[in-house]
PDB file of N, CA and C in Angstrom:
ATOM      1  N   MET A   1     -43.002 -44.157  45.858  1.00  0.00           N
ATOM      2  CA  MET A   1     -42.005 -44.809  46.679  1.00  0.00           C
ATOM      3  C   MET A   1     -41.637 -43.907  47.842  1.00  0.00           C
ATOM      4  N   SER A   2     -41.267 -44.527  48.919  1.00  0.00           N
ATOM      5  CA  SER A   2     -40.894 -43.737  50.085  1.00  0.00           C
ATOM      6  C   SER A   2     -39.450 -43.236  49.929  1.00  0.00           C
ATOM      7  N   TYR A   3     -39.134 -42.253  50.713  1.00  0.00           N
ATOM      8  CA  TYR A   3     -37.819 -41.629  50.650  1.00  0.00           C
ATOM      9  C   TYR A   3     -36.713 -42.619  51.026  1.00  0.00           C
ATOM     10  N   GLU A   4     -36.978 -43.513  51.976  1.00  0.00           N
ATOM     11  CA  GLU A   4     -35.964 -44.470  52.425  1.00  0.00           C
ATOM     12  C   GLU A   4     -35.622 -45.477  51.315  1.00  0.00           C
ATOM     13  N   VAL A   5     -36.625 -45.909  50.583  1.00  0.00           N
ATOM     14  CA  VAL A   5     -36.403 -46.857  49.495  1.00  0.00           C
ATOM     15  C   VAL A   5     -35.575 -46.214  48.389  1.00  0.00           C
ATOM     16  N   ILE A   6     -35.896 -44.982  48.054  1.00  0.00           N
ATOM     17  CA  ILE A   6     -35.144 -44.262  47.028  1.00  0.00           C
ATOM     18  C   ILE A   6     -33.703 -44.056  47.474  1.00  0.00           C
ATOM     19  N   LEU A   7     -33.514 -43.741  48.749  1.00  0.00           N
ATOM     20  CA  LEU A   7     -32.165 -43.543  49.269  1.00  0.00           C
ATOM     21  C   LEU A   7     -31.348 -44.829  49.194  1.00  0.00           C
ATOM     22  N   VAL A   8     -31.952 -45.949  49.553  1.00  0.00           N
ATOM     23  CA  VAL A   8     -31.246 -47.233  49.486  1.00  0.00           C
ATOM     24  C   VAL A   8     -30.915 -47.585  48.037  1.00  0.00           C
ATOM     25  N   LEU A   9     -31.855 -47.370  47.126  1.00  0.00           N
ATOM     26  CA  LEU A   9     -31.604 -47.641  45.714  1.00  0.00           C
ATOM     27  C   LEU A   9     -30.488 -46.765  45.159  1.00  0.00           C
ATOM     28  N   ARG A  10     -30.456 -45.503  45.566  1.00  0.00           N
ATOM     29  CA  ARG A  10     -29.389 -44.607  45.106  1.00  0.00           C
ATOM     30  C   ARG A  10     -28.029 -45.039  45.639  1.00  0.00           C
ATOM     31  N   ILE A  11     -27.983 -45.519  46.880  1.00  0.00           N
ATOM     32  CA  ILE A  11     -26.721 -46.000  47.441  1.00  0.00           C
ATOM     33  C   ILE A  11     -26.244 -47.241  46.699  1.00  0.00           C
ATOM     34  N   ILE A  12     -27.167 -48.157  46.416  1.00  0.00           N
ATOM     35  CA  ILE A  12     -26.816 -49.365  45.671  1.00  0.00           C
ATOM     36  C   ILE A  12     -26.306 -49.008  44.280  1.00  0.00           C
ATOM     37  N   LEU A  13     -26.975 -48.060  43.624  1.00  0.00           N
ATOM     38  CA  LEU A  13     -26.537 -47.644  42.293  1.00  0.00           C
ATOM     39  C   LEU A  13     -25.167 -46.974  42.338  1.00  0.00           C
ATOM     40  N   MET A  14     -24.902 -46.181  43.379  1.00  0.00           N
ATOM     41  CA  MET A  14     -23.589 -45.550  43.498  1.00  0.00           C
ATOM     42  C   MET A  14     -22.488 -46.591  43.677  1.00  0.00           C
ATOM     43  N   VAL A  15     -22.752 -47.620  44.466  1.00  0.00           N
ATOM     44  CA  VAL A  15     -21.759 -48.678  44.664  1.00  0.00           C
ATOM     45  C   VAL A  15     -21.521 -49.438  43.357  1.00  0.00           C
ATOM     46  N   LEU A  16     -22.598 -49.762  42.639  1.00  0.00           N
ATOM     47  CA  LEU A  16     -22.452 -50.439  41.349  1.00  0.00           C
ATOM     48  C   LEU A  16     -21.687 -49.586  40.349  1.00  0.00           C
ATOM     49  N   MET A  17     -21.961 -48.284  40.327  1.00  0.00           N
ATOM     50  CA  MET A  17     -21.251 -47.393  39.415  1.00  0.00           C
ATOM     51  C   MET A  17     -19.778 -47.304  39.775  1.00  0.00           C
ATOM     52  N   ALA A  18     -19.466 -47.253  41.059  1.00  0.00           N
ATOM     53  CA  ALA A  18     -18.063 -47.177  41.481  1.00  0.00           C
ATOM     54  C   ALA A  18     -17.317 -48.460  41.108  1.00  0.00           C
ATOM     55  N   LEU A  19     -17.924 -49.611  41.375  1.00  0.00           N
ATOM     56  CA  LEU A  19     -17.269 -50.879  41.056  1.00  0.00           C
ATOM     57  C   LEU A  19     -17.094 -51.067  39.551  1.00  0.00           C
ATOM     58  N   SER A  20     -18.125 -50.745  38.789  1.00  0.00           N
ATOM     59  CA  SER A  20     -18.017 -50.920  37.340  1.00  0.00           C
ATOM     60  C   SER A  20     -17.031 -49.933  36.732  1.00  0.00           C
ATOM     61  N   SER A  21     -16.948 -48.724  37.263  1.00  0.00           N
ATOM     62  CA  SER A  21     -15.982 -47.768  36.722  1.00  0.00           C
ATOM     63  C   SER A  21     -14.554 -48.166  37.067  1.00  0.00           C
ATOM     64  N   LEU A  22     -14.331 -48.707  38.257  1.00  0.00           N
ATOM     65  CA  LEU A  22     -12.988 -49.170  38.610  1.00  0.00           C
ATOM     66  C   LEU A  22     -12.570 -50.345  37.738  1.00  0.00           C
ATOM     67  N   PHE A  23     -13.471 -51.301  37.523  1.00  0.00           N
ATOM     68  CA  PHE A  23     -13.133 -52.427  36.666  1.00  0.00           C
ATOM     69  C   PHE A  23     -12.972 -51.982  35.218  1.00  0.00           C
ATOM     70  N   LEU A  24     -13.743 -50.992  34.799  1.00  0.00           N
ATOM     71  CA  LEU A  24     -13.619 -50.465  33.442  1.00  0.00           C
ATOM     72  C   LEU A  24     -12.248 -49.829  33.240  1.00  0.00           C
ATOM     73  N   ILE A  25     -11.780 -49.076  34.222  1.00  0.00           N
ATOM     74  CA  ILE A  25     -10.444 -48.481  34.144  1.00  0.00           C
ATOM     75  C   ILE A  25      -9.388 -49.572  34.080  1.00  0.00           C
ATOM     76  N   PHE A  26      -9.519 -50.592  34.935  1.00  0.00           N
ATOM     77  CA  PHE A  26      -8.564 -51.699  34.942  1.00  0.00           C
ATOM     78  C   PHE A  26      -8.547 -52.412  33.592  1.00  0.00           C
ATOM     79  N   ALA A  27      -9.715 -52.706  33.040  1.00  0.00           N
ATOM     80  CA  ALA A  27      -9.792 -53.441  31.777  1.00  0.00           C
ATOM     81  C   ALA A  27      -9.204 -52.635  30.624  1.00  0.00           C
ATOM     82  N   ILE A  28      -9.413 -51.343  30.628  1.00  0.00           N
ATOM     83  CA  ILE A  28      -8.867 -50.505  29.559  1.00  0.00           C
ATOM     84  C   ILE A  28      -7.351 -50.418  29.669  1.00  0.00           C
ATOM     85  N   LEU A  29      -6.847 -50.301  30.887  1.00  0.00           N
ATOM     86  CA  LEU A  29      -5.398 -50.205  31.051  1.00  0.00           C
ATOM     87  C   LEU A  29      -4.682 -51.510  30.733  1.00  0.00           C
ATOM     88  N   LYS A  30      -5.336 -52.654  30.908  1.00  0.00           N
ATOM     89  CA  LYS A  30      -4.715 -53.944  30.624  1.00  0.00           C
ATOM     90  C   LYS A  30      -4.711 -54.291  29.138  1.00  0.00           C
ATOM     91  N   GLN A  31      -5.517 -53.600  28.331  1.00  0.00           N
ATOM     92  CA  GLN A  31      -5.562 -53.910  26.912  1.00  0.00           C
ATOM     93  C   GLN A  31      -4.317 -53.361  26.224  1.00  0.00           C
ATOM     94  N   PRO A  32      -3.716 -54.174  25.343  1.00  0.00           N
ATOM     95  CA  PRO A  32      -2.511 -53.708  24.654  1.00  0.00           C
ATOM     96  C   PRO A  32      -2.847 -52.671  23.593  1.00  0.00           C
ATOM     97  N   GLY A  33      -1.854 -51.880  23.245  1.00  0.00           N
ATOM     98  CA  GLY A  33      -2.045 -50.877  22.206  1.00  0.00           C
ATOM     99  C   GLY A  33      -2.060 -51.499  20.829  1.00  0.00           C
ATOM    100  N   ASN A  34      -2.453 -50.724  19.854  1.00  0.00           N
ATOM    101  CA  ASN A  34      -2.528 -51.226  18.486  1.00  0.00           C
ATOM    102  C   ASN A  34      -1.248 -50.965  17.705  1.00  0.00           C
ATOM    103  N   SER A  35      -0.231 -50.390  18.318  1.00  0.00           N
ATOM    104  CA  SER A  35       0.998 -50.044  17.599  1.00  0.00           C
ATOM    105  C   SER A  35       2.033 -51.163  17.733  1.00  0.00           C
ATOM    106  N   GLN A  36       1.713 -52.337  17.206  1.00  0.00           N
ATOM    107  CA  GLN A  36       2.632 -53.461  17.231  1.00  0.00           C
ATOM    108  C   GLN A  36       3.125 -53.792  15.832  1.00  0.00           C
ATOM    109  N   GLY A  37       3.123 -52.818  14.954  1.00  0.00           N
ATOM    110  CA  GLY A  37       3.509 -53.047  13.567  1.00  0.00           C
ATOM    111  C   GLY A  37       4.976 -53.345  13.383  1.00  0.00           C
ATOM    112  N   SER A  38       5.866 -52.716  14.135  1.00  0.00           N
ATOM    113  CA  SER A  38       7.297 -52.929  13.941  1.00  0.00           C
ATOM    114  C   SER A  38       7.723 -54.328  14.353  1.00  0.00           C
ATOM    115  N   SER A  39       7.094 -54.911  15.354  1.00  0.00           N
ATOM    116  CA  SER A  39       7.450 -56.268  15.751  1.00  0.00           C
ATOM    117  C   SER A  39       6.979 -57.279  14.715  1.00  0.00           C
ATOM    118  N   ALA A  40       5.910 -56.978  14.008  1.00  0.00           N
ATOM    119  CA  ALA A  40       5.441 -57.880  12.961  1.00  0.00           C
ATOM    120  C   ALA A  40       6.381 -57.867  11.765  1.00  0.00           C
ATOM    121  N   ILE A  41       6.977 -56.721  11.494  1.00  0.00           N
ATOM    122  CA  ILE A  41       7.906 -56.623  10.359  1.00  0.00           C
ATOM    123  C   ILE A  41       9.186 -57.390  10.644  1.00  0.00           C
ATOM    124  N   THR A  42       9.716 -57.246  11.844  1.00  0.00           N
ATOM    125  CA  THR A  42      10.983 -57.899  12.181  1.00  0.00           C
ATOM    126  C   THR A  42      10.807 -59.348  12.576  1.00  0.00           C
ATOM    127  N   GLY A  43       9.604 -59.778  12.871  1.00  0.00           N
ATOM    128  CA  GLY A  43       9.366 -61.154  13.277  1.00  0.00           C
ATOM    129  C   GLY A  43       9.572 -61.384  14.754  1.00  0.00           C
ATOM    130  N   ALA A  44       9.729 -60.334  15.526  1.00  0.00           N
ATOM    131  CA  ALA A  44       9.937 -60.482  16.966  1.00  0.00           C
ATOM    132  C   ALA A  44       8.651 -60.942  17.619  1.00  0.00           C
ATOM    133  N   GLY A  45       8.769 -61.845  18.560  1.00  0.00           N
ATOM    134  CA  GLY A  45       7.605 -62.320  19.293  1.00  0.00           C
ATOM    135  C   GLY A  45       6.791 -63.359  18.560  1.00  0.00           C
ATOM    136  N   ALA A  46       7.309 -63.910  17.475  1.00  0.00           N
ATOM    137  CA  ALA A  46       6.573 -64.930  16.744  1.00  0.00           C
ATOM    138  C   ALA A  46       6.640 -66.252  17.499  1.00  0.00           C
ATOM    139  N   THR A  47       5.521 -66.955  17.522  1.00  0.00           N
ATOM    140  CA  THR A  47       5.478 -68.260  18.179  1.00  0.00           C
ATOM    141  C   THR A  47       5.195 -69.329  17.142  1.00  0.00           C
ATOM    142  N   ASP A  48       5.481 -70.566  17.491  1.00  0.00           N
ATOM    143  CA  ASP A  48       5.374 -71.655  16.527  1.00  0.00           C
ATOM    144  C   ASP A  48       4.011 -72.317  16.493  1.00  0.00           C
ATOM    145  N   THR A  49       3.337 -72.408  17.631  1.00  0.00           N
ATOM    146  CA  THR A  49       2.100 -73.176  17.684  1.00  0.00           C
ATOM    147  C   THR A  49       0.874 -72.280  17.507  1.00  0.00           C
ATOM    148  N   PHE A  50      -0.200 -72.916  17.095  1.00  0.00           N
ATOM    149  CA  PHE A  50      -1.462 -72.192  16.949  1.00  0.00           C
ATOM    150  C   PHE A  50      -1.952 -71.690  18.298  1.00  0.00           C
ATOM    151  N   TYR A  51      -1.784 -72.521  19.330  1.00  0.00           N
ATOM    152  CA  TYR A  51      -2.205 -72.123  20.671  1.00  0.00           C
ATOM    153  C   TYR A  51      -1.396 -70.921  21.151  1.00  0.00           C
ATOM    154  N   GLY A  52      -0.111 -70.926  20.892  1.00  0.00           N
ATOM    155  CA  GLY A  52       0.736 -69.811  21.303  1.00  0.00           C
ATOM    156  C   GLY A  52       0.386 -68.523  20.582  1.00  0.00           C
ATOM    157  N   LYS A  53       0.004 -68.645  19.327  1.00  0.00           N
ATOM    158  CA  LYS A  53      -0.355 -67.447  18.553  1.00  0.00           C
ATOM    159  C   LYS A  53      -1.671 -66.837  19.028  1.00  0.00           C
ATOM    160  N   ASN A  54      -2.608 -67.666  19.422  1.00  0.00           N
ATOM    161  CA  ASN A  54      -3.941 -67.181  19.759  1.00  0.00           C
ATOM    162  C   ASN A  54      -4.176 -67.054  21.255  1.00  0.00           C
ATOM    163  N   LYS A  55      -3.183 -67.345  22.063  1.00  0.00           N
ATOM    164  CA  LYS A  55      -3.351 -67.266  23.510  1.00  0.00           C
ATOM    165  C   LYS A  55      -3.636 -65.839  23.947  1.00  0.00           C
ATOM    166  N   SER A  56      -2.885 -64.884  23.430  1.00  0.00           N
ATOM    167  CA  SER A  56      -3.103 -63.491  23.822  1.00  0.00           C
ATOM    168  C   SER A  56      -4.391 -62.941  23.220  1.00  0.00           C
ATOM    169  N   LYS A  57      -4.782 -63.429  22.076  1.00  0.00           N
ATOM    170  CA  LYS A  57      -6.016 -62.942  21.446  1.00  0.00           C
ATOM    171  C   LYS A  57      -7.235 -63.293  22.281  1.00  0.00           C
ATOM    172  N   ARG A  58      -7.227 -64.482  22.900  1.00  0.00           N
ATOM    173  CA  ARG A  58      -8.373 -64.860  23.731  1.00  0.00           C
ATOM    174  C   ARG A  58      -8.484 -63.926  24.924  1.00  0.00           C
ATOM    175  N   PHE A  59      -7.360 -63.604  25.547  1.00  0.00           N
ATOM    176  CA  PHE A  59      -7.371 -62.694  26.695  1.00  0.00           C
ATOM    177  C   PHE A  59      -7.815 -61.295  26.266  1.00  0.00           C
ATOM    178  N   GLU A  60      -7.341 -60.842  25.117  1.00  0.00           N
ATOM    179  CA  GLU A  60      -7.745 -59.533  24.599  1.00  0.00           C
ATOM    180  C   GLU A  60      -9.242 -59.503  24.300  1.00  0.00           C
ATOM    181  N   ASN A  61      -9.756 -60.588  23.724  1.00  0.00           N
ATOM    182  CA  ASN A  61     -11.185 -60.633  23.409  1.00  0.00           C
ATOM    183  C   ASN A  61     -12.030 -60.626  24.679  1.00  0.00           C
ATOM    184  N   GLN A  62     -11.568 -61.329  25.711  1.00  0.00           N
ATOM    185  CA  GLN A  62     -12.298 -61.308  26.982  1.00  0.00           C
ATOM    186  C   GLN A  62     -12.270 -59.924  27.602  1.00  0.00           C
ATOM    187  N   LEU A  63     -11.135 -59.247  27.519  1.00  0.00           N
ATOM    188  CA  LEU A  63     -11.062 -57.887  28.059  1.00  0.00           C
ATOM    189  C   LEU A  63     -11.980 -56.939  27.300  1.00  0.00           C
ATOM    190  N   LYS A  64     -12.038 -57.082  25.991  1.00  0.00           N
ATOM    191  CA  LYS A  64     -12.938 -56.239  25.198  1.00  0.00           C
ATOM    192  C   LYS A  64     -14.392 -56.494  25.572  1.00  0.00           C
ATOM    193  N   LYS A  65     -14.731 -57.779  25.759  1.00  0.00           N
ATOM    194  CA  LYS A  65     -16.105 -58.125  26.131  1.00  0.00           C
ATOM    195  C   LYS A  65     -16.458 -57.535  27.497  1.00  0.00           C
ATOM    196  N   TRP A  66     -15.550 -57.669  28.474  1.00  0.00           N
ATOM    197  CA  TRP A  66     -15.816 -57.130  29.807  1.00  0.00           C
ATOM    198  C   TRP A  66     -15.817 -55.608  29.815  1.00  0.00           C
ATOM    199  N   THR A  67     -15.062 -54.986  28.928  1.00  0.00           N
ATOM    200  CA  THR A  67     -15.089 -53.527  28.810  1.00  0.00           C
ATOM    201  C   THR A  67     -16.463 -53.064  28.347  1.00  0.00           C
ATOM    202  N   ILE A  68     -17.022 -53.754  27.367  1.00  0.00           N
ATOM    203  CA  ILE A  68     -18.352 -53.397  26.865  1.00  0.00           C
ATOM    204  C   ILE A  68     -19.412 -53.630  27.934  1.00  0.00           C
ATOM    205  N   ILE A  69     -19.317 -54.749  28.644  1.00  0.00           N
ATOM    206  CA  ILE A  69     -20.300 -55.063  29.687  1.00  0.00           C
ATOM    207  C   ILE A  69     -20.250 -54.029  30.804  1.00  0.00           C
ATOM    208  N   CYS A  70     -19.049 -53.696  31.274  1.00  0.00           N
ATOM    209  CA  CYS A  70     -18.918 -52.715  32.363  1.00  0.00           C
ATOM    210  C   CYS A  70     -19.358 -51.323  31.922  1.00  0.00           C
ATOM    211  N   GLY A  71     -19.080 -50.971  30.678  1.00  0.00           N
ATOM    212  CA  GLY A  71     -19.557 -49.687  30.165  1.00  0.00           C
ATOM    213  C   GLY A  71     -21.068 -49.620  30.106  1.00  0.00           C
ATOM    214  N   ALA A  72     -21.699 -50.723  29.709  1.00  0.00           N
ATOM    215  CA  ALA A  72     -23.158 -50.759  29.658  1.00  0.00           C
ATOM    216  C   ALA A  72     -23.757 -50.685  31.061  1.00  0.00           C
ATOM    217  N   ILE A  73     -23.160 -51.412  32.013  1.00  0.00           N
ATOM    218  CA  ILE A  73     -23.640 -51.352  33.400  1.00  0.00           C
ATOM    219  C   ILE A  73     -23.514 -49.946  33.945  1.00  0.00           C
ATOM    220  N   LEU A  74     -22.397 -49.294  33.668  1.00  0.00           N
ATOM    221  CA  LEU A  74     -22.184 -47.924  34.139  1.00  0.00           C
ATOM    222  C   LEU A  74     -23.202 -46.965  33.525  1.00  0.00           C
ATOM    223  N   ALA A  75     -23.487 -47.127  32.242  1.00  0.00           N
ATOM    224  CA  ALA A  75     -24.454 -46.250  31.582  1.00  0.00           C
ATOM    225  C   ALA A  75     -25.869 -46.451  32.139  1.00  0.00           C
ATOM    226  N   VAL A  76     -26.278 -47.695  32.304  1.00  0.00           N
ATOM    227  CA  VAL A  76     -27.620 -47.985  32.826  1.00  0.00           C
ATOM    228  C   VAL A  76     -27.759 -47.479  34.258  1.00  0.00           C
ATOM    229  N   CYS A  77     -26.740 -47.721  35.082  1.00  0.00           N
ATOM    230  CA  CYS A  77     -26.797 -47.250  36.473  1.00  0.00           C
ATOM    231  C   CYS A  77     -26.838 -45.720  36.542  1.00  0.00           C
ATOM    232  N   SER A  78     -26.116 -45.061  35.652  1.00  0.00           N
ATOM    233  CA  SER A  78     -26.129 -43.595  35.639  1.00  0.00           C
ATOM    234  C   SER A  78     -27.510 -43.053  35.275  1.00  0.00           C
ATOM    235  N   ILE A  79     -28.140 -43.683  34.291  1.00  0.00           N
ATOM    236  CA  ILE A  79     -29.477 -43.240  33.888  1.00  0.00           C
ATOM    237  C   ILE A  79     -30.482 -43.483  35.015  1.00  0.00           C
ATOM    238  N   LEU A  80     -30.417 -44.664  35.639  1.00  0.00           N
ATOM    239  CA  LEU A  80     -31.332 -44.958  36.747  1.00  0.00           C
ATOM    240  C   LEU A  80     -31.090 -44.024  37.931  1.00  0.00           C
ATOM    241  N   PHE A  81     -29.843 -43.691  38.189  1.00  0.00           N
ATOM    242  CA  PHE A  81     -29.521 -42.779  39.270  1.00  0.00           C
ATOM    243  C   PHE A  81     -30.121 -41.393  39.001  1.00  0.00           C
ATOM    244  N   PHE A  82     -30.046 -40.947  37.760  1.00  0.00           N
ATOM    245  CA  PHE A  82     -30.638 -39.664  37.378  1.00  0.00           C
ATOM    246  C   PHE A  82     -32.159 -39.691  37.524  1.00  0.00           C
ATOM    247  N   VAL A  83     -32.781 -40.784  37.070  1.00  0.00           N
ATOM    248  CA  VAL A  83     -34.237 -40.902  37.151  1.00  0.00           C
ATOM    249  C   VAL A  83     -34.688 -40.919  38.608  1.00  0.00           C
ATOM    250  N   LEU A  84     -33.965 -41.637  39.469  1.00  0.00           N
ATOM    251  CA  LEU A  84     -34.321 -41.656  40.884  1.00  0.00           C
ATOM    252  C   LEU A  84     -34.131 -40.289  41.518  1.00  0.00           C
ATOM    253  N   GLY A  85     -33.219 -39.501  41.008  1.00  0.00           N
ATOM    254  CA  GLY A  85     -33.025 -38.157  41.524  1.00  0.00           C
ATOM    255  C   GLY A  85     -34.189 -37.228  41.199  1.00  0.00           C
ATOM    256  N   LEU A  86     -34.898 -37.552  40.126  1.00  0.00           N
ATOM    257  CA  LEU A  86     -36.051 -36.740  39.747  1.00  0.00           C
ATOM    258  C   LEU A  86     -37.281 -37.032  40.600  1.00  0.00           C
ATOM    259  N   LEU A  87     -37.322 -38.195  41.221  1.00  0.00           N
ATOM    260  CA  LEU A  87     -38.490 -38.563  42.029  1.00  0.00           C
ATOM    261  C   LEU A  87     -38.530 -37.832  43.341  1.00  0.00           C
TER     262      LEU A  87
END
């Protein structure tokens, strides 16, 4: 491969890594903590409907899924960036 092609690929990989790392930080910060035990004991925040109970779980599951996807994209881009650096 020519030097210009490698340079363009490295720039594209750097942009992808920056975007995926920023979204990864955002997704991790938006996820709630696991220390919600005291509210379960007192009954605070209990809702009556099935939809109300599972509304936050769907959002949490989507955030977990996007966290895994962004982490995988970041890992693959990092490996490809390293390999292109060896060429």
